Amino acid sequence: MDLDWRCLQSQSSLSQVGEKEVIDPISALAGIQSAISLVKKAAGVAQDLGSLAPMIGKMFDAKSTATKALIEAKKGKGSNMGTALQIEMALEQARAFEEELKMLFMQTGKIDVWNKIKARQAQMDLDDARELSALKRAEKAAKEKEQEQLEIGLAIGALFLLGFLVFVGIYELMEFCKTSRCGR
């Protein structure tokens, strides 16, 4: 079966702004719809579920990209209702497709494979959450270390300034004592 993946790849619509990728939410949502449509068409002519795996994977990648795009779009300006509507409609479409996919596995007698897929997904989600948590902890520790180094640098600078002022004060006192009678 030859399917053109360019339709999915062109829908991702990533652009660079500085060093951060910005994802166009409309294109990302269109990517979900395109992926679902493509998988549904392919399911009608596929010999077995295994041949659909790459397309199904692309669909879930498109879902993830769309969710991230909508979250990023929410950070900008716009209507909360509009953003919430877009997010929920895209997620509902993906949920409905996932149910159809589950039924497809059931109809072909491969529910055990579906259960393994869902278990693997849950484990991978857990691993991703742990990794994200570890990255956040490392980032926080790095910021704390940087702050500590800044404070140490400021303390050393203050000590040098104080030492310099004491030196200048002692020097001035000695000069004053040379010209005047101090304590003699």
N, C-alpha and C. Protein backbone atom coordinates (compact mmCIF):
# COMPACT_ATOMS: atom_id res chain seq x y z
N MET A 1 0.84 -1.16 0.00
CA MET A 1 0.00 0.00 0.00
C MET A 1 0.89 1.23 0.00
N ASP A 2 0.76 2.09 -0.99
CA ASP A 2 1.55 3.32 -1.07
C ASP A 2 0.68 4.50 -0.69
N LEU A 3 1.01 5.12 0.45
CA LEU A 3 0.29 6.31 0.88
C LEU A 3 1.28 7.46 0.95
N ASP A 4 0.82 8.62 0.62
CA ASP A 4 1.69 9.79 0.60
C ASP A 4 1.70 10.44 1.98
N TRP A 5 2.84 10.34 2.67
CA TRP A 5 2.98 10.90 4.02
C TRP A 5 3.21 12.40 3.99
N ARG A 6 3.45 12.97 2.82
CA ARG A 6 3.71 14.41 2.75
C ARG A 6 2.52 15.21 3.24
N CYS A 7 1.30 14.67 3.08
CA CYS A 7 0.13 15.42 3.55
C CYS A 7 0.16 15.59 5.06
N LEU A 8 0.68 14.59 5.78
CA LEU A 8 0.78 14.72 7.23
C LEU A 8 1.96 15.60 7.61
N GLN A 9 3.06 15.45 6.92
CA GLN A 9 4.25 16.20 7.26
C GLN A 9 4.06 17.69 6.99
N SER A 10 3.34 18.05 5.96
CA SER A 10 3.16 19.46 5.66
C SER A 10 2.20 20.10 6.65
N GLN A 11 1.39 19.31 7.31
CA GLN A 11 0.43 19.86 8.25
C GLN A 11 1.06 20.27 9.58
N SER A 12 2.26 19.79 9.87
CA SER A 12 2.83 20.08 11.18
C SER A 12 3.18 21.57 11.33
N SER A 13 3.54 22.22 10.25
CA SER A 13 3.74 23.66 10.21
C SER A 13 4.51 24.20 11.40
N LEU A 14 5.78 23.85 11.48
CA LEU A 14 6.64 24.36 12.54
C LEU A 14 7.42 25.54 11.99
N SER A 15 7.58 26.57 12.78
CA SER A 15 8.43 27.68 12.38
C SER A 15 9.32 28.04 13.54
N GLN A 16 10.47 28.62 13.22
CA GLN A 16 11.44 28.98 14.26
C GLN A 16 11.24 30.44 14.64
N VAL A 17 11.18 30.71 15.93
CA VAL A 17 11.18 32.06 16.46
C VAL A 17 12.26 32.06 17.52
N GLY A 18 13.40 32.71 17.21
CA GLY A 18 14.54 32.64 18.12
C GLY A 18 15.04 31.21 18.12
N GLU A 19 15.08 30.60 19.32
CA GLU A 19 15.52 29.21 19.42
C GLU A 19 14.35 28.29 19.73
N LYS A 20 13.16 28.85 19.87
CA LYS A 20 12.00 28.06 20.27
C LYS A 20 11.11 27.79 19.07
N GLU A 21 10.61 26.56 18.96
CA GLU A 21 9.71 26.23 17.86
C GLU A 21 8.31 26.70 18.20
N VAL A 22 7.64 27.28 17.21
CA VAL A 22 6.27 27.72 17.37
C VAL A 22 5.42 26.90 16.41
N ILE A 23 4.37 26.31 16.93
CA ILE A 23 3.53 25.44 16.13
C ILE A 23 2.21 26.16 15.88
N ASP A 24 1.82 26.22 14.62
CA ASP A 24 0.55 26.85 14.26
C ASP A 24 -0.59 25.93 14.67
N PRO A 25 -1.46 26.37 15.60
CA PRO A 25 -2.52 25.49 16.09
C PRO A 25 -3.51 25.04 15.02
N ILE A 26 -3.83 25.90 14.10
CA ILE A 26 -4.79 25.54 13.05
C ILE A 26 -4.23 24.43 12.17
N SER A 27 -2.95 24.57 11.80
CA SER A 27 -2.30 23.53 11.00
C SER A 27 -2.18 22.23 11.78
N ALA A 28 -1.90 22.35 13.08
CA ALA A 28 -1.77 21.15 13.91
C ALA A 28 -3.11 20.42 14.01
N LEU A 29 -4.20 21.17 14.18
CA LEU A 29 -5.52 20.54 14.22
C LEU A 29 -5.87 19.91 12.88
N ALA A 30 -5.50 20.58 11.81
CA ALA A 30 -5.73 20.02 10.47
C ALA A 30 -4.91 18.75 10.31
N GLY A 31 -3.75 18.70 10.93
CA GLY A 31 -2.91 17.51 10.89
C GLY A 31 -3.59 16.32 11.53
N ILE A 32 -4.27 16.54 12.65
CA ILE A 32 -5.02 15.45 13.30
C ILE A 32 -6.11 14.95 12.36
N GLN A 33 -6.88 15.88 11.82
CA GLN A 33 -7.98 15.50 10.94
C GLN A 33 -7.47 14.75 9.71
N SER A 34 -6.38 15.22 9.15
CA SER A 34 -5.80 14.58 7.98
C SER A 34 -5.32 13.17 8.32
N ALA A 35 -4.67 13.04 9.47
CA ALA A 35 -4.15 11.73 9.89
C ALA A 35 -5.29 10.75 10.13
N ILE A 36 -6.33 11.20 10.81
CA ILE A 36 -7.47 10.32 11.08
C ILE A 36 -8.12 9.88 9.77
N SER A 37 -8.30 10.82 8.87
CA SER A 37 -8.89 10.51 7.58
C SER A 37 -8.05 9.49 6.81
N LEU A 38 -6.74 9.69 6.83
CA LEU A 38 -5.83 8.80 6.13
C LEU A 38 -5.87 7.39 6.71
N VAL A 39 -5.88 7.30 8.04
CA VAL A 39 -5.92 5.98 8.68
C VAL A 39 -7.25 5.29 8.38
N LYS A 40 -8.35 6.03 8.41
CA LYS A 40 -9.65 5.42 8.11
C LYS A 40 -9.69 4.89 6.67
N LYS A 41 -9.14 5.66 5.75
CA LYS A 41 -9.11 5.19 4.36
C LYS A 41 -8.24 3.96 4.22
N ALA A 42 -7.10 3.98 4.86
CA ALA A 42 -6.17 2.85 4.77
C ALA A 42 -6.75 1.62 5.45
N ALA A 43 -7.52 1.79 6.52
CA ALA A 43 -8.10 0.66 7.24
C ALA A 43 -9.06 -0.13 6.34
N GLY A 44 -9.67 0.57 5.41
CA GLY A 44 -10.59 -0.10 4.50
C GLY A 44 -9.91 -1.03 3.52
N VAL A 45 -8.65 -0.78 3.22
CA VAL A 45 -7.96 -1.60 2.23
C VAL A 45 -6.78 -2.38 2.81
N ALA A 46 -6.50 -2.18 4.09
CA ALA A 46 -5.33 -2.84 4.70
C ALA A 46 -5.58 -4.34 4.83
N GLN A 47 -4.51 -5.10 4.70
CA GLN A 47 -4.59 -6.56 4.84
C GLN A 47 -4.68 -6.95 6.32
N ASP A 48 -3.94 -6.25 7.17
CA ASP A 48 -3.98 -6.53 8.60
C ASP A 48 -3.66 -5.25 9.37
N LEU A 49 -3.86 -5.31 10.68
CA LEU A 49 -3.64 -4.14 11.52
C LEU A 49 -2.18 -3.72 11.57
N GLY A 50 -1.28 -4.67 11.43
CA GLY A 50 0.15 -4.36 11.48
C GLY A 50 0.56 -3.37 10.41
N SER A 51 -0.06 -3.45 9.26
CA SER A 51 0.31 -2.54 8.18
C SER A 51 -0.19 -1.11 8.45
N LEU A 52 -1.13 -0.97 9.38
CA LEU A 52 -1.64 0.36 9.72
C LEU A 52 -0.80 1.04 10.81
N ALA A 53 0.06 0.29 11.47
CA ALA A 53 0.80 0.82 12.62
C ALA A 53 1.52 2.14 12.34
N PRO A 54 2.26 2.27 11.23
CA PRO A 54 2.95 3.55 11.00
C PRO A 54 1.98 4.73 10.87
N MET A 55 0.86 4.50 10.20
CA MET A 55 -0.12 5.57 10.04
C MET A 55 -0.79 5.92 11.36
N ILE A 56 -1.08 4.92 12.16
CA ILE A 56 -1.70 5.16 13.47
C ILE A 56 -0.71 5.94 14.35
N GLY A 57 0.55 5.57 14.27
CA GLY A 57 1.58 6.29 15.02
C GLY A 57 1.64 7.75 14.61
N LYS A 58 1.55 8.01 13.30
CA LYS A 58 1.55 9.39 12.81
C LYS A 58 0.33 10.16 13.32
N MET A 59 -0.79 9.47 13.41
CA MET A 59 -2.00 10.13 13.91
C MET A 59 -1.81 10.56 15.36
N PHE A 60 -1.24 9.68 16.18
CA PHE A 60 -1.03 10.03 17.59
C PHE A 60 0.06 11.08 17.73
N ASP A 61 1.05 11.08 16.83
CA ASP A 61 2.05 12.16 16.82
C ASP A 61 1.37 13.49 16.50
N ALA A 62 0.45 13.46 15.53
CA ALA A 62 -0.28 14.68 15.17
C ALA A 62 -1.13 15.16 16.34
N LYS A 63 -1.72 14.24 17.08
CA LYS A 63 -2.52 14.60 18.26
C LYS A 63 -1.63 15.29 19.30
N SER A 64 -0.47 14.73 19.53
CA SER A 64 0.46 15.31 20.51
C SER A 64 0.91 16.71 20.06
N THR A 65 1.24 16.84 18.79
CA THR A 65 1.65 18.14 18.25
C THR A 65 0.54 19.17 18.38
N ALA A 66 -0.68 18.77 18.08
CA ALA A 66 -1.82 19.69 18.16
C ALA A 66 -2.06 20.13 19.61
N THR A 67 -1.95 19.19 20.53
CA THR A 67 -2.16 19.54 21.94
C THR A 67 -1.12 20.54 22.39
N LYS A 68 0.15 20.31 22.02
CA LYS A 68 1.22 21.25 22.39
C LYS A 68 0.98 22.61 21.73
N ALA A 69 0.54 22.60 20.48
CA ALA A 69 0.30 23.86 19.77
C ALA A 69 -0.79 24.67 20.44
N LEU A 70 -1.84 23.99 20.85
CA LEU A 70 -2.94 24.70 21.49
C LEU A 70 -2.55 25.24 22.86
N ILE A 71 -1.73 24.50 23.57
CA ILE A 71 -1.25 24.99 24.87
C ILE A 71 -0.37 26.23 24.67
N GLU A 72 0.49 26.19 23.65
CA GLU A 72 1.33 27.34 23.34
C GLU A 72 0.48 28.52 22.88
N ALA A 73 -0.55 28.24 22.10
CA ALA A 73 -1.42 29.31 21.61
C ALA A 73 -2.15 29.96 22.78
N LYS A 74 -2.46 29.19 23.79
CA LYS A 74 -3.14 29.70 24.97
C LYS A 74 -2.28 30.72 25.70
N LYS A 75 -0.96 30.56 25.63
CA LYS A 75 -0.06 31.48 26.30
C LYS A 75 -0.11 32.86 25.65
N GLY A 76 -0.48 32.89 24.40
CA GLY A 76 -0.58 34.17 23.69
C GLY A 76 -1.94 34.79 23.98
N LYS A 77 -2.31 35.69 23.12
CA LYS A 77 -3.60 36.34 23.29
C LYS A 77 -4.65 35.53 22.57
N GLY A 78 -5.84 35.68 23.02
CA GLY A 78 -6.93 34.99 22.36
C GLY A 78 -8.03 34.66 23.36
N SER A 79 -9.09 34.17 22.84
CA SER A 79 -10.25 33.85 23.64
C SER A 79 -10.05 32.53 24.38
N ASN A 80 -10.33 32.54 25.67
CA ASN A 80 -10.27 31.30 26.44
C ASN A 80 -11.29 30.30 25.92
N MET A 81 -12.46 30.79 25.57
CA MET A 81 -13.52 29.92 25.06
C MET A 81 -13.10 29.31 23.73
N GLY A 82 -12.54 30.11 22.86
CA GLY A 82 -12.10 29.61 21.55
C GLY A 82 -11.00 28.58 21.69
N THR A 83 -10.05 28.86 22.56
CA THR A 83 -8.95 27.91 22.77
C THR A 83 -9.47 26.63 23.38
N ALA A 84 -10.31 26.75 24.41
CA ALA A 84 -10.88 25.57 25.06
C ALA A 84 -11.69 24.74 24.07
N LEU A 85 -12.44 25.41 23.22
CA LEU A 85 -13.25 24.72 22.22
C LEU A 85 -12.36 23.96 21.24
N GLN A 86 -11.32 24.60 20.76
CA GLN A 86 -10.41 23.94 19.82
C GLN A 86 -9.75 22.72 20.46
N ILE A 87 -9.27 22.89 21.68
CA ILE A 87 -8.60 21.79 22.37
C ILE A 87 -9.56 20.62 22.55
N GLU A 88 -10.71 20.89 23.09
CA GLU A 88 -11.65 19.81 23.39
C GLU A 88 -12.19 19.13 22.14
N MET A 89 -12.43 19.89 21.09
CA MET A 89 -12.92 19.27 19.85
C MET A 89 -11.86 18.37 19.23
N ALA A 90 -10.61 18.83 19.23
CA ALA A 90 -9.53 18.01 18.67
C ALA A 90 -9.33 16.75 19.51
N LEU A 91 -9.36 16.91 20.83
CA LEU A 91 -9.17 15.75 21.70
C LEU A 91 -10.36 14.78 21.61
N GLU A 92 -11.55 15.33 21.46
CA GLU A 92 -12.72 14.46 21.32
C GLU A 92 -12.66 13.67 20.02
N GLN A 93 -12.23 14.32 18.97
CA GLN A 93 -12.08 13.63 17.68
C GLN A 93 -11.05 12.51 17.81
N ALA A 94 -9.96 12.80 18.49
CA ALA A 94 -8.93 11.77 18.68
C ALA A 94 -9.44 10.64 19.58
N ARG A 95 -10.20 10.98 20.64
CA ARG A 95 -10.77 9.94 21.51
C ARG A 95 -11.73 9.03 20.74
N ALA A 96 -12.58 9.65 19.92
CA ALA A 96 -13.53 8.88 19.12
C ALA A 96 -12.79 7.95 18.17
N PHE A 97 -11.74 8.46 17.55
CA PHE A 97 -10.96 7.62 16.65
C PHE A 97 -10.30 6.48 17.41
N GLU A 98 -9.81 6.77 18.61
CA GLU A 98 -9.17 5.73 19.41
C GLU A 98 -10.17 4.62 19.74
N GLU A 99 -11.41 4.98 20.01
CA GLU A 99 -12.45 3.98 20.26
C GLU A 99 -12.71 3.14 19.01
N GLU A 100 -12.74 3.80 17.85
CA GLU A 100 -12.92 3.07 16.59
C GLU A 100 -11.76 2.11 16.37
N LEU A 101 -10.58 2.56 16.69
CA LEU A 101 -9.39 1.73 16.55
C LEU A 101 -9.47 0.53 17.49
N LYS A 102 -9.93 0.77 18.71
CA LYS A 102 -10.09 -0.32 19.68
C LYS A 102 -11.09 -1.35 19.14
N MET A 103 -12.18 -0.86 18.57
CA MET A 103 -13.18 -1.77 18.00
C MET A 103 -12.60 -2.57 16.83
N LEU A 104 -11.75 -1.94 16.05
CA LEU A 104 -11.09 -2.62 14.94
C LEU A 104 -10.23 -3.76 15.46
N PHE A 105 -9.50 -3.52 16.55
CA PHE A 105 -8.70 -4.58 17.16
C PHE A 105 -9.59 -5.69 17.69
N MET A 106 -10.73 -5.31 18.29
CA MET A 106 -11.66 -6.32 18.82
C MET A 106 -12.23 -7.17 17.69
N GLN A 107 -12.63 -6.53 16.61
CA GLN A 107 -13.25 -7.24 15.50
C GLN A 107 -12.28 -8.22 14.84
N THR A 108 -11.00 -7.90 14.89
CA THR A 108 -10.03 -8.81 14.28
C THR A 108 -9.48 -9.81 15.28
N GLY A 109 -10.04 -9.81 16.50
CA GLY A 109 -9.61 -10.76 17.52
C GLY A 109 -8.23 -10.45 18.11
N LYS A 110 -7.85 -9.22 18.07
CA LYS A 110 -6.53 -8.82 18.57
C LYS A 110 -6.64 -7.87 19.76
N ILE A 111 -7.63 -8.08 20.61
CA ILE A 111 -7.80 -7.21 21.78
C ILE A 111 -6.62 -7.32 22.73
N ASP A 112 -5.97 -8.49 22.76
CA ASP A 112 -4.79 -8.65 23.60
C ASP A 112 -3.67 -7.71 23.14
N VAL A 113 -3.55 -7.53 21.82
CA VAL A 113 -2.55 -6.61 21.28
C VAL A 113 -2.90 -5.18 21.70
N TRP A 114 -4.19 -4.84 21.62
CA TRP A 114 -4.64 -3.50 22.02
C TRP A 114 -4.31 -3.25 23.50
N ASN A 115 -4.58 -4.25 24.34
CA ASN A 115 -4.29 -4.10 25.77
C ASN A 115 -2.80 -3.91 26.01
N LYS A 116 -1.96 -4.62 25.24
CA LYS A 116 -0.52 -4.45 25.37
C LYS A 116 -0.09 -3.06 24.92
N ILE A 117 -0.71 -2.57 23.85
CA ILE A 117 -0.41 -1.22 23.35
C ILE A 117 -0.75 -0.20 24.43
N LYS A 118 -1.93 -0.32 25.03
CA LYS A 118 -2.35 0.62 26.06
C LYS A 118 -1.45 0.54 27.29
N ALA A 119 -1.03 -0.66 27.66
CA ALA A 119 -0.12 -0.82 28.80
C ALA A 119 1.23 -0.17 28.49
N ARG A 120 1.72 -0.38 27.29
CA ARG A 120 3.00 0.23 26.89
C ARG A 120 2.88 1.75 26.87
N GLN A 121 1.75 2.25 26.38
CA GLN A 121 1.52 3.69 26.35
C GLN A 121 1.53 4.25 27.77
N ALA A 122 0.86 3.57 28.69
CA ALA A 122 0.82 4.04 30.08
C ALA A 122 2.23 4.07 30.68
N GLN A 123 3.02 3.04 30.41
CA GLN A 123 4.39 2.99 30.94
C GLN A 123 5.24 4.10 30.33
N MET A 124 5.08 4.33 29.02
CA MET A 124 5.85 5.38 28.36
C MET A 124 5.44 6.77 28.88
N ASP A 125 4.14 6.95 29.13
CA ASP A 125 3.67 8.22 29.70
C ASP A 125 4.28 8.44 31.09
N LEU A 126 4.32 7.38 31.88
CA LEU A 126 4.92 7.45 33.21
C LEU A 126 6.41 7.78 33.11
N ASP A 127 7.10 7.12 32.19
CA ASP A 127 8.53 7.40 31.99
C ASP A 127 8.75 8.85 31.55
N ASP A 128 7.89 9.34 30.65
CA ASP A 128 8.00 10.72 30.20
C ASP A 128 7.79 11.69 31.37
N ALA A 129 6.81 11.40 32.22
CA ALA A 129 6.53 12.26 33.37
C ALA A 129 7.73 12.26 34.33
N ARG A 130 8.31 11.11 34.55
CA ARG A 130 9.49 11.03 35.43
C ARG A 130 10.66 11.81 34.84
N GLU A 131 10.86 11.67 33.54
CA GLU A 131 11.95 12.38 32.87
C GLU A 131 11.74 13.89 32.94
N LEU A 132 10.51 14.32 32.72
CA LEU A 132 10.19 15.75 32.79
C LEU A 132 10.42 16.26 34.21
N SER A 133 10.01 15.49 35.18
CA SER A 133 10.21 15.86 36.58
C SER A 133 11.70 15.97 36.91
N ALA A 134 12.49 15.03 36.43
CA ALA A 134 13.94 15.06 36.66
C ALA A 134 14.56 16.28 35.99
N LEU A 135 14.11 16.61 34.78
CA LEU A 135 14.63 17.79 34.09
C LEU A 135 14.29 19.07 34.85
N LYS A 136 13.07 19.14 35.37
CA LYS A 136 12.67 20.32 36.15
C LYS A 136 13.50 20.43 37.42
N ARG A 137 13.74 19.30 38.10
CA ARG A 137 14.57 19.33 39.31
C ARG A 137 15.98 19.77 38.98
N ALA A 138 16.55 19.26 37.89
CA ALA A 138 17.90 19.64 37.48
C ALA A 138 17.96 21.13 37.12
N GLU A 139 16.94 21.61 36.44
CA GLU A 139 16.89 23.01 36.07
C GLU A 139 16.80 23.89 37.33
N LYS A 140 15.99 23.47 38.29
CA LYS A 140 15.84 24.21 39.54
C LYS A 140 17.17 24.22 40.30
N ALA A 141 17.85 23.08 40.36
CA ALA A 141 19.13 22.99 41.05
C ALA A 141 20.17 23.89 40.37
N ALA A 142 20.16 23.93 39.05
CA ALA A 142 21.09 24.79 38.32
C ALA A 142 20.82 26.26 38.62
N LYS A 143 19.55 26.65 38.69
CA LYS A 143 19.21 28.03 39.01
C LYS A 143 19.63 28.38 40.44
N GLU A 144 19.41 27.44 41.36
CA GLU A 144 19.81 27.67 42.75
C GLU A 144 21.33 27.82 42.85
N LYS A 145 22.06 26.98 42.13
CA LYS A 145 23.53 27.06 42.15
C LYS A 145 23.99 28.39 41.57
N GLU A 146 23.37 28.81 40.48
CA GLU A 146 23.71 30.09 39.86
C GLU A 146 23.43 31.24 40.82
N GLN A 147 22.30 31.18 41.52
CA GLN A 147 21.95 32.22 42.49
C GLN A 147 22.96 32.23 43.64
N GLU A 148 23.36 31.06 44.10
CA GLU A 148 24.34 30.95 45.17
C GLU A 148 25.68 31.55 44.74
N GLN A 149 26.10 31.24 43.51
CA GLN A 149 27.35 31.79 43.01
C GLN A 149 27.28 33.31 42.89
N LEU A 150 26.14 33.82 42.49
CA LEU A 150 25.95 35.27 42.40
C LEU A 150 26.07 35.90 43.78
N GLU A 151 25.43 35.28 44.77
CA GLU A 151 25.49 35.81 46.13
C GLU A 151 26.92 35.77 46.67
N ILE A 152 27.66 34.69 46.40
CA ILE A 152 29.05 34.59 46.84
C ILE A 152 29.89 35.68 46.17
N GLY A 153 29.66 35.88 44.88
CA GLY A 153 30.38 36.92 44.14
C GLY A 153 30.10 38.30 44.71
N LEU A 154 28.84 38.58 45.04
CA LEU A 154 28.50 39.87 45.63
C LEU A 154 29.13 40.02 47.01
N ALA A 155 29.16 38.95 47.80
CA ALA A 155 29.77 39.01 49.13
C ALA A 155 31.27 39.28 49.01
N ILE A 156 31.94 38.62 48.10
CA ILE A 156 33.38 38.84 47.90
C ILE A 156 33.63 40.27 47.43
N GLY A 157 32.81 40.75 46.52
CA GLY A 157 32.94 42.13 46.04
C GLY A 157 32.75 43.13 47.18
N ALA A 158 31.76 42.88 48.04
CA ALA A 158 31.50 43.76 49.18
C ALA A 158 32.69 43.74 50.15
N LEU A 159 33.27 42.55 50.36
CA LEU A 159 34.43 42.45 51.25
C LEU A 159 35.62 43.21 50.67
N PHE A 160 35.85 43.09 49.37
CA PHE A 160 36.95 43.84 48.75
C PHE A 160 36.71 45.35 48.87
N LEU A 161 35.48 45.77 48.66
CA LEU A 161 35.16 47.19 48.78
C LEU A 161 35.39 47.66 50.22
N LEU A 162 34.95 46.88 51.18
CA LEU A 162 35.15 47.23 52.58
C LEU A 162 36.65 47.28 52.91
N GLY A 163 37.40 46.29 52.44
CA GLY A 163 38.85 46.26 52.66
C GLY A 163 39.52 47.49 52.05
N PHE A 164 39.09 47.85 50.84
CA PHE A 164 39.66 49.02 50.18
C PHE A 164 39.36 50.28 50.98
N LEU A 165 38.12 50.42 51.46
CA LEU A 165 37.75 51.60 52.24
C LEU A 165 38.54 51.66 53.56
N VAL A 166 38.74 50.52 54.19
CA VAL A 166 39.55 50.48 55.42
C VAL A 166 40.98 50.88 55.10
N PHE A 167 41.53 50.37 54.02
CA PHE A 167 42.90 50.72 53.62
C PHE A 167 43.02 52.22 53.38
N VAL A 168 42.07 52.78 52.62
CA VAL A 168 42.11 54.22 52.33
C VAL A 168 41.97 55.00 53.64
N GLY A 169 41.09 54.56 54.51
CA GLY A 169 40.92 55.25 55.81
C GLY A 169 42.20 55.23 56.62
N ILE A 170 42.86 54.09 56.70
CA ILE A 170 44.12 53.99 57.46
C ILE A 170 45.19 54.85 56.80
N TYR A 171 45.28 54.82 55.50
CA TYR A 171 46.26 55.64 54.79
C TYR A 171 46.04 57.12 55.06
N GLU A 172 44.78 57.55 54.98
CA GLU A 172 44.46 58.96 55.22
C GLU A 172 44.78 59.34 56.66
N LEU A 173 44.50 58.46 57.61
CA LEU A 173 44.80 58.72 59.01
C LEU A 173 46.31 58.87 59.20
N MET A 174 47.10 58.02 58.57
CA MET A 174 48.55 58.06 58.68
C MET A 174 49.08 59.38 58.07
N GLU A 175 48.52 59.78 56.94
CA GLU A 175 48.94 61.05 56.32
C GLU A 175 48.58 62.23 57.22
N PHE A 176 47.42 62.15 57.82
CA PHE A 176 46.99 63.22 58.71
C PHE A 176 47.92 63.30 59.92
N CYS A 177 48.31 62.13 60.44
CA CYS A 177 49.20 62.10 61.61
C CYS A 177 50.59 62.61 61.29
N LYS A 178 51.04 62.49 60.05
CA LYS A 178 52.35 63.00 59.66
C LYS A 178 52.37 64.52 59.73
N THR A 179 51.27 65.13 59.31
CA THR A 179 51.22 66.59 59.25
C THR A 179 50.73 67.18 60.56
N SER A 180 50.05 66.49 61.37
CA SER A 180 49.53 66.98 62.65
C SER A 180 50.10 66.13 63.77
N ARG A 181 49.84 66.57 64.90
CA ARG A 181 50.29 65.85 66.07
C ARG A 181 49.17 64.93 66.49
N CYS A 182 49.30 63.63 66.28
CA CYS A 182 48.27 62.66 66.63
C CYS A 182 48.81 61.76 67.73
N GLY A 183 48.22 61.78 68.88
CA GLY A 183 48.53 60.86 69.96
C GLY A 183 49.97 60.90 70.43
N ARG A 184 50.74 61.97 70.20
CA ARG A 184 52.13 62.02 70.68
C ARG A 184 52.26 62.98 71.77
